[in-house]
Amino acid sequence: MRDSVSKMQLSEARAKLTQLDKLLKPGETLQITKRGKAYARIELIGEMDGYDRILNSIESLPEPKEKLRAVAQNYKSILYGKQ
């Protein structure tokens, strides 16, 4: 099964060149077009580091059905007492 290919115009890709590592995930491909025709293809190779894997796993968690309540207290109120 082939990964999906994102498409972007050359002018847009030039403007976002420094952000391509954030736009693509490892193994994903970006096809750059010029005047509607395929011009270049960029594939992000490499692996995700542990930090990115953790962030992605947190983002993929389902939303809670009920409103969450805070369980931690402000550290200043613990150190200095309530004001």
PDB file of N, CA and C in Angstrom:
ATOM      1  N   MET A   1       0.844  -1.183   0.000  1.00  0.00           N
ATOM      2  CA  MET A   1       0.000   0.000   0.000  1.00  0.00           C
ATOM      3  C   MET A   1       0.878   1.230   0.000  1.00  0.00           C
ATOM      4  N   ARG A   2       0.585   2.161  -0.855  1.00  0.00           N
ATOM      5  CA  ARG A   2       1.406   3.344  -1.016  1.00  0.00           C
ATOM      6  C   ARG A   2       0.893   4.475  -0.137  1.00  0.00           C
ATOM      7  N   ASP A   3       1.847   5.228   0.448  1.00  0.00           N
ATOM      8  CA  ASP A   3       1.450   6.357   1.283  1.00  0.00           C
ATOM      9  C   ASP A   3       0.849   7.461   0.419  1.00  0.00           C
ATOM     10  N   SER A   4       0.054   8.301   1.029  1.00  0.00           N
ATOM     11  CA  SER A   4      -0.556   9.386   0.283  1.00  0.00           C
ATOM     12  C   SER A   4       0.499  10.428  -0.087  1.00  0.00           C
ATOM     13  N   VAL A   5       0.260  11.085  -1.194  1.00  0.00           N
ATOM     14  CA  VAL A   5       1.187  12.092  -1.695  1.00  0.00           C
ATOM     15  C   VAL A   5       0.518  13.445  -1.575  1.00  0.00           C
ATOM     16  N   SER A   6       1.142  14.362  -0.851  1.00  0.00           N
ATOM     17  CA  SER A   6       0.641  15.726  -0.748  1.00  0.00           C
ATOM     18  C   SER A   6       1.121  16.504  -1.960  1.00  0.00           C
ATOM     19  N   LYS A   7       0.352  17.481  -2.383  1.00  0.00           N
ATOM     20  CA  LYS A   7       0.737  18.294  -3.540  1.00  0.00           C
ATOM     21  C   LYS A   7       0.810  19.758  -3.124  1.00  0.00           C
ATOM     22  N   MET A   8       1.784  20.468  -3.692  1.00  0.00           N
ATOM     23  CA  MET A   8       1.991  21.872  -3.364  1.00  0.00           C
ATOM     24  C   MET A   8       2.617  22.563  -4.574  1.00  0.00           C
ATOM     25  N   GLN A   9       2.256  23.812  -4.804  1.00  0.00           N
ATOM     26  CA  GLN A   9       2.850  24.568  -5.897  1.00  0.00           C
ATOM     27  C   GLN A   9       4.269  24.981  -5.530  1.00  0.00           C
ATOM     28  N   LEU A  10       5.085  25.226  -6.542  1.00  0.00           N
ATOM     29  CA  LEU A  10       6.487  25.567  -6.337  1.00  0.00           C
ATOM     30  C   LEU A  10       6.646  26.823  -5.493  1.00  0.00           C
ATOM     31  N   SER A  11       5.852  27.835  -5.748  1.00  0.00           N
ATOM     32  CA  SER A  11       5.980  29.086  -4.987  1.00  0.00           C
ATOM     33  C   SER A  11       5.643  28.875  -3.512  1.00  0.00           C
ATOM     34  N   GLU A  12       4.645  28.059  -3.245  1.00  0.00           N
ATOM     35  CA  GLU A  12       4.269  27.768  -1.865  1.00  0.00           C
ATOM     36  C   GLU A  12       5.343  26.924  -1.177  1.00  0.00           C
ATOM     37  N   ALA A  13       5.902  25.957  -1.910  1.00  0.00           N
ATOM     38  CA  ALA A  13       6.955  25.112  -1.350  1.00  0.00           C
ATOM     39  C   ALA A  13       8.197  25.936  -1.039  1.00  0.00           C
ATOM     40  N   ARG A  14       8.522  26.883  -1.885  1.00  0.00           N
ATOM     41  CA  ARG A  14       9.680  27.749  -1.657  1.00  0.00           C
ATOM     42  C   ARG A  14       9.494  28.557  -0.379  1.00  0.00           C
ATOM     43  N   ALA A  15       8.281  29.031  -0.144  1.00  0.00           N
ATOM     44  CA  ALA A  15       8.002  29.823   1.053  1.00  0.00           C
ATOM     45  C   ALA A  15       8.031  28.973   2.317  1.00  0.00           C
ATOM     46  N   LYS A  16       7.718  27.688   2.194  1.00  0.00           N
ATOM     47  CA  LYS A  16       7.636  26.812   3.363  1.00  0.00           C
ATOM     48  C   LYS A  16       8.802  25.832   3.440  1.00  0.00           C
ATOM     49  N   LEU A  17       9.893  26.115   2.731  1.00  0.00           N
ATOM     50  CA  LEU A  17      11.002  25.171   2.655  1.00  0.00           C
ATOM     51  C   LEU A  17      11.561  24.806   4.022  1.00  0.00           C
ATOM     52  N   THR A  18      11.661  25.763   4.917  1.00  0.00           N
ATOM     53  CA  THR A  18      12.226  25.473   6.236  1.00  0.00           C
ATOM     54  C   THR A  18      11.249  24.729   7.136  1.00  0.00           C
ATOM     55  N   GLN A  19       9.984  24.622   6.732  1.00  0.00           N
ATOM     56  CA  GLN A  19       8.980  23.959   7.557  1.00  0.00           C
ATOM     57  C   GLN A  19       8.585  22.583   7.025  1.00  0.00           C
ATOM     58  N   LEU A  20       9.258  22.111   5.983  1.00  0.00           N
ATOM     59  CA  LEU A  20       8.863  20.837   5.384  1.00  0.00           C
ATOM     60  C   LEU A  20       8.959  19.681   6.361  1.00  0.00           C
ATOM     61  N   ASP A  21       9.916  19.731   7.282  1.00  0.00           N
ATOM     62  CA  ASP A  21      10.024  18.649   8.258  1.00  0.00           C
ATOM     63  C   ASP A  21       8.838  18.622   9.200  1.00  0.00           C
ATOM     64  N   LYS A  22       8.140  19.752   9.356  1.00  0.00           N
ATOM     65  CA  LYS A  22       6.952  19.789  10.200  1.00  0.00           C
ATOM     66  C   LYS A  22       5.688  19.444   9.403  1.00  0.00           C
ATOM     67  N   LEU A  23       5.719  19.687   8.101  1.00  0.00           N
ATOM     68  CA  LEU A  23       4.561  19.401   7.261  1.00  0.00           C
ATOM     69  C   LEU A  23       4.436  17.921   6.920  1.00  0.00           C
ATOM     70  N   LEU A  24       5.583  17.239   6.834  1.00  0.00           N
ATOM     71  CA  LEU A  24       5.586  15.833   6.449  1.00  0.00           C
ATOM     72  C   LEU A  24       5.983  14.960   7.630  1.00  0.00           C
ATOM     73  N   LYS A  25       5.502  13.755   7.614  1.00  0.00           N
ATOM     74  CA  LYS A  25       5.914  12.748   8.590  1.00  0.00           C
ATOM     75  C   LYS A  25       6.870  11.806   7.866  1.00  0.00           C
ATOM     76  N   PRO A  26       7.732  11.114   8.600  1.00  0.00           N
ATOM     77  CA  PRO A  26       8.658  10.186   7.934  1.00  0.00           C
ATOM     78  C   PRO A  26       7.921   9.206   7.033  1.00  0.00           C
ATOM     79  N   GLY A  27       8.417   9.083   5.798  1.00  0.00           N
ATOM     80  CA  GLY A  27       7.803   8.192   4.821  1.00  0.00           C
ATOM     81  C   GLY A  27       6.777   8.869   3.928  1.00  0.00           C
ATOM     82  N   GLU A  28       6.327  10.065   4.281  1.00  0.00           N
ATOM     83  CA  GLU A  28       5.362  10.774   3.449  1.00  0.00           C
ATOM     84  C   GLU A  28       6.078  11.496   2.311  1.00  0.00           C
ATOM     85  N   THR A  29       5.353  11.713   1.242  1.00  0.00           N
ATOM     86  CA  THR A  29       5.913  12.315   0.041  1.00  0.00           C
ATOM     87  C   THR A  29       5.167  13.598  -0.296  1.00  0.00           C
ATOM     88  N   LEU A  30       5.914  14.586  -0.779  1.00  0.00           N
ATOM     89  CA  LEU A  30       5.343  15.855  -1.227  1.00  0.00           C
ATOM     90  C   LEU A  30       5.677  16.025  -2.697  1.00  0.00           C
ATOM     91  N   GLN A  31       4.657  16.226  -3.515  1.00  0.00           N
ATOM     92  CA  GLN A  31       4.870  16.465  -4.940  1.00  0.00           C
ATOM     93  C   GLN A  31       4.740  17.962  -5.184  1.00  0.00           C
ATOM     94  N   ILE A  32       5.761  18.552  -5.772  1.00  0.00           N
ATOM     95  CA  ILE A  32       5.759  19.981  -6.063  1.00  0.00           C
ATOM     96  C   ILE A  32       5.439  20.161  -7.540  1.00  0.00           C
ATOM     97  N   THR A  33       4.485  21.058  -7.813  1.00  0.00           N
ATOM     98  CA  THR A  33       4.074  21.297  -9.192  1.00  0.00           C
ATOM     99  C   THR A  33       4.485  22.691  -9.625  1.00  0.00           C
ATOM    100  N   LYS A  34       4.741  22.817 -10.911  1.00  0.00           N
ATOM    101  CA  LYS A  34       5.051  24.120 -11.515  1.00  0.00           C
ATOM    102  C   LYS A  34       4.158  24.256 -12.734  1.00  0.00           C
ATOM    103  N   ARG A  35       3.301  25.252 -12.713  1.00  0.00           N
ATOM    104  CA  ARG A  35       2.325  25.484 -13.780  1.00  0.00           C
ATOM    105  C   ARG A  35       1.436  24.271 -14.017  1.00  0.00           C
ATOM    106  N   GLY A  36       1.083  23.599 -12.900  1.00  0.00           N
ATOM    107  CA  GLY A  36       0.163  22.479 -12.974  1.00  0.00           C
ATOM    108  C   GLY A  36       0.786  21.144 -13.331  1.00  0.00           C
ATOM    109  N   LYS A  37       2.098  21.129 -13.610  1.00  0.00           N
ATOM    110  CA  LYS A  37       2.763  19.883 -13.977  1.00  0.00           C
ATOM    111  C   LYS A  37       3.728  19.479 -12.874  1.00  0.00           C
ATOM    112  N   ALA A  38       3.900  18.176 -12.710  1.00  0.00           N
ATOM    113  CA  ALA A  38       4.819  17.675 -11.681  1.00  0.00           C
ATOM    114  C   ALA A  38       6.216  18.228 -11.937  1.00  0.00           C
ATOM    115  N   TYR A  39       6.833  18.771 -10.893  1.00  0.00           N
ATOM    116  CA  TYR A  39       8.143  19.410 -11.016  1.00  0.00           C
ATOM    117  C   TYR A  39       9.180  18.696 -10.158  1.00  0.00           C
ATOM    118  N   ALA A  40       8.809  18.330  -8.940  1.00  0.00           N
ATOM    119  CA  ALA A  40       9.736  17.652  -8.033  1.00  0.00           C
ATOM    120  C   ALA A  40       8.941  16.820  -7.046  1.00  0.00           C
ATOM    121  N   ARG A  41       9.636  15.883  -6.435  1.00  0.00           N
ATOM    122  CA  ARG A  41       9.025  15.041  -5.418  1.00  0.00           C
ATOM    123  C   ARG A  41       9.993  14.955  -4.247  1.00  0.00           C
ATOM    124  N   ILE A  42       9.499  15.247  -3.057  1.00  0.00           N
ATOM    125  CA  ILE A  42      10.318  15.225  -1.846  1.00  0.00           C
ATOM    126  C   ILE A  42       9.734  14.184  -0.914  1.00  0.00           C
ATOM    127  N   GLU A  43      10.597  13.304  -0.435  1.00  0.00           N
ATOM    128  CA  GLU A  43      10.168  12.306   0.544  1.00  0.00           C
ATOM    129  C   GLU A  43      10.984  12.508   1.801  1.00  0.00           C
ATOM    130  N   LEU A  44      10.302  12.592   2.915  1.00  0.00           N
ATOM    131  CA  LEU A  44      10.980  12.762   4.196  1.00  0.00           C
ATOM    132  C   LEU A  44      11.396  11.384   4.687  1.00  0.00           C
ATOM    133  N   ILE A  45      12.706  11.165   4.728  1.00  0.00           N
ATOM    134  CA  ILE A  45      13.211   9.906   5.244  1.00  0.00           C
ATOM    135  C   ILE A  45      13.757  10.152   6.641  1.00  0.00           C
ATOM    136  N   GLY A  46      13.913   9.122   7.372  1.00  0.00           N
ATOM    137  CA  GLY A  46      14.348   9.275   8.755  1.00  0.00           C
ATOM    138  C   GLY A  46      13.247   8.802   9.672  1.00  0.00           C
ATOM    139  N   GLU A  47      13.601   8.688  10.907  1.00  0.00           N
ATOM    140  CA  GLU A  47      12.655   8.187  11.882  1.00  0.00           C
ATOM    141  C   GLU A  47      12.264   9.285  12.855  1.00  0.00           C
ATOM    142  N   MET A  48      11.131   9.100  13.458  1.00  0.00           N
ATOM    143  CA  MET A  48      10.677  10.038  14.465  1.00  0.00           C
ATOM    144  C   MET A  48      11.463   9.785  15.734  1.00  0.00           C
ATOM    145  N   ASP A  49      11.822  10.837  16.429  1.00  0.00           N
ATOM    146  CA  ASP A  49      12.494  10.635  17.703  1.00  0.00           C
ATOM    147  C   ASP A  49      11.448  10.304  18.772  1.00  0.00           C
ATOM    148  N   GLY A  50      11.911   9.928  19.930  1.00  0.00           N
ATOM    149  CA  GLY A  50      11.009   9.502  20.995  1.00  0.00           C
ATOM    150  C   GLY A  50      10.033  10.580  21.414  1.00  0.00           C
ATOM    151  N   TYR A  51      10.496  11.821  21.443  1.00  0.00           N
ATOM    152  CA  TYR A  51       9.637  12.938  21.837  1.00  0.00           C
ATOM    153  C   TYR A  51       8.460  13.082  20.881  1.00  0.00           C
ATOM    154  N   ASP A  52       8.726  13.002  19.574  1.00  0.00           N
ATOM    155  CA  ASP A  52       7.644  13.111  18.596  1.00  0.00           C
ATOM    156  C   ASP A  52       6.674  11.943  18.709  1.00  0.00           C
ATOM    157  N   ARG A  53       7.193  10.749  18.968  1.00  0.00           N
ATOM    158  CA  ARG A  53       6.319   9.595  19.133  1.00  0.00           C
ATOM    159  C   ARG A  53       5.378   9.781  20.317  1.00  0.00           C
ATOM    160  N   ILE A  54       5.896  10.332  21.406  1.00  0.00           N
ATOM    161  CA  ILE A  54       5.070  10.564  22.593  1.00  0.00           C
ATOM    162  C   ILE A  54       4.006  11.608  22.299  1.00  0.00           C
ATOM    163  N   LEU A  55       4.392  12.706  21.642  1.00  0.00           N
ATOM    164  CA  LEU A  55       3.412  13.742  21.292  1.00  0.00           C
ATOM    165  C   LEU A  55       2.316  13.189  20.388  1.00  0.00           C
ATOM    166  N   ASN A  56       2.684  12.394  19.406  1.00  0.00           N
ATOM    167  CA  ASN A  56       1.682  11.814  18.507  1.00  0.00           C
ATOM    168  C   ASN A  56       0.760  10.860  19.242  1.00  0.00           C
ATOM    169  N   SER A  57       1.296  10.103  20.190  1.00  0.00           N
ATOM    170  CA  SER A  57       0.435   9.186  20.933  1.00  0.00           C
ATOM    171  C   SER A  57      -0.529   9.949  21.836  1.00  0.00           C
ATOM    172  N   ILE A  58      -0.086  11.077  22.386  1.00  0.00           N
ATOM    173  CA  ILE A  58      -0.974  11.904  23.213  1.00  0.00           C
ATOM    174  C   ILE A  58      -2.066  12.522  22.352  1.00  0.00           C
ATOM    175  N   GLU A  59      -1.688  13.029  21.167  1.00  0.00           N
ATOM    176  CA  GLU A  59      -2.666  13.654  20.279  1.00  0.00           C
ATOM    177  C   GLU A  59      -3.690  12.650  19.755  1.00  0.00           C
ATOM    178  N   SER A  60      -3.327  11.388  19.684  1.00  0.00           N
ATOM    179  CA  SER A  60      -4.258  10.389  19.157  1.00  0.00           C
ATOM    180  C   SER A  60      -5.196   9.823  20.227  1.00  0.00           C
ATOM    181  N   LEU A  61      -5.030  10.243  21.478  1.00  0.00           N
ATOM    182  CA  LEU A  61      -5.932   9.774  22.531  1.00  0.00           C
ATOM    183  C   LEU A  61      -7.341  10.301  22.289  1.00  0.00           C
ATOM    184  N   PRO A  62      -8.356   9.514  22.617  1.00  0.00           N
ATOM    185  CA  PRO A  62      -9.732   9.998  22.422  1.00  0.00           C
ATOM    186  C   PRO A  62     -10.059  11.113  23.411  1.00  0.00           C
ATOM    187  N   GLU A  63     -10.967  11.972  23.017  1.00  0.00           N
ATOM    188  CA  GLU A  63     -11.411  13.055  23.890  1.00  0.00           C
ATOM    189  C   GLU A  63     -12.269  12.482  25.015  1.00  0.00           C
ATOM    190  N   PRO A  64     -12.151  13.032  26.230  1.00  0.00           N
ATOM    191  CA  PRO A  64     -12.971  12.520  27.336  1.00  0.00           C
ATOM    192  C   PRO A  64     -14.436  12.901  27.141  1.00  0.00           C
ATOM    193  N   LYS A  65     -15.328  12.060  27.629  1.00  0.00           N
ATOM    194  CA  LYS A  65     -16.756  12.326  27.497  1.00  0.00           C
ATOM    195  C   LYS A  65     -17.226  13.357  28.512  1.00  0.00           C
ATOM    196  N   GLU A  66     -16.576  13.379  29.673  1.00  0.00           N
ATOM    197  CA  GLU A  66     -16.949  14.333  30.714  1.00  0.00           C
ATOM    198  C   GLU A  66     -15.874  15.404  30.840  1.00  0.00           C
ATOM    199  N   LYS A  67     -16.244  16.509  31.427  1.00  0.00           N
ATOM    200  CA  LYS A  67     -15.292  17.591  31.642  1.00  0.00           C
ATOM    201  C   LYS A  67     -14.258  17.148  32.685  1.00  0.00           C
ATOM    202  N   LEU A  68     -12.998  17.412  32.394  1.00  0.00           N
ATOM    203  CA  LEU A  68     -11.938  17.033  33.324  1.00  0.00           C
ATOM    204  C   LEU A  68     -11.864  18.026  34.470  1.00  0.00           C
ATOM    205  N   ARG A  69     -11.465  17.541  35.643  1.00  0.00           N
ATOM    206  CA  ARG A  69     -11.312  18.446  36.779  1.00  0.00           C
ATOM    207  C   ARG A  69      -9.844  18.477  37.187  1.00  0.00           C
ATOM    208  N   ALA A  70      -9.422  19.601  37.702  1.00  0.00           N
ATOM    209  CA  ALA A  70      -8.031  19.767  38.105  1.00  0.00           C
ATOM    210  C   ALA A  70      -7.764  18.976  39.378  1.00  0.00           C
ATOM    211  N   VAL A  71      -6.609  18.347  39.447  1.00  0.00           N
ATOM    212  CA  VAL A  71      -6.250  17.597  40.645  1.00  0.00           C
ATOM    213  C   VAL A  71      -4.977  18.153  41.284  1.00  0.00           C
ATOM    214  N   ALA A  72      -4.241  18.980  40.567  1.00  0.00           N
ATOM    215  CA  ALA A  72      -3.011  19.551  41.108  1.00  0.00           C
ATOM    216  C   ALA A  72      -3.297  20.928  41.699  1.00  0.00           C
ATOM    217  N   GLN A  73      -2.497  21.309  42.678  1.00  0.00           N
ATOM    218  CA  GLN A  73      -2.642  22.618  43.295  1.00  0.00           C
ATOM    219  C   GLN A  73      -1.497  23.511  42.833  1.00  0.00           C
ATOM    220  N   ASN A  74      -1.712  24.780  42.948  1.00  0.00           N
ATOM    221  CA  ASN A  74      -0.670  25.741  42.625  1.00  0.00           C
ATOM    222  C   ASN A  74       0.463  25.573  43.637  1.00  0.00           C
ATOM    223  N   TYR A  75       1.694  25.435  43.165  1.00  0.00           N
ATOM    224  CA  TYR A  75       2.811  25.207  44.080  1.00  0.00           C
ATOM    225  C   TYR A  75       3.053  26.393  45.009  1.00  0.00           C
ATOM    226  N   LYS A  76       2.721  27.604  44.583  1.00  0.00           N
ATOM    227  CA  LYS A  76       2.925  28.769  45.442  1.00  0.00           C
ATOM    228  C   LYS A  76       1.992  28.740  46.649  1.00  0.00           C
ATOM    229  N   SER A  77       0.766  28.257  46.424  1.00  0.00           N
ATOM    230  CA  SER A  77      -0.152  28.181  47.559  1.00  0.00           C
ATOM    231  C   SER A  77       0.314  27.124  48.566  1.00  0.00           C
ATOM    232  N   ILE A  78       0.980  26.097  48.086  1.00  0.00           N
ATOM    233  CA  ILE A  78       1.508  25.083  48.991  1.00  0.00           C
ATOM    234  C   ILE A  78       2.706  25.639  49.771  1.00  0.00           C
ATOM    235  N   LEU A  79       3.600  26.353  49.090  1.00  0.00           N
ATOM    236  CA  LEU A  79       4.801  26.887  49.722  1.00  0.00           C
ATOM    237  C   LEU A  79       4.501  28.066  50.661  1.00  0.00           C
ATOM    238  N   TYR A  80       3.671  28.990  50.197  1.00  0.00           N
ATOM    239  CA  TYR A  80       3.466  30.233  50.930  1.00  0.00           C
ATOM    240  C   TYR A  80       2.104  30.336  51.613  1.00  0.00           C
ATOM    241  N   GLY A  81       1.274  29.363  51.434  1.00  0.00           N
ATOM    242  CA  GLY A  81      -0.064  29.423  52.010  1.00  0.00           C
ATOM    243  C   GLY A  81      -1.003  30.160  51.069  1.00  0.00           C
ATOM    244  N   LYS A  82      -2.296  30.009  51.312  1.00  0.00           N
ATOM    245  CA  LYS A  82      -3.287  30.687  50.466  1.00  0.00           C
ATOM    246  C   LYS A  82      -3.280  32.171  50.744  1.00  0.00           C
ATOM    247  N   GLN A  83      -3.476  32.913  49.675  1.00  0.00           N
ATOM    248  CA  GLN A  83      -3.483  34.378  49.816  1.00  0.00           C
ATOM    249  C   GLN A  83      -4.851  34.929  49.522  1.00  0.00           C
TER     250      GLN A  83
END
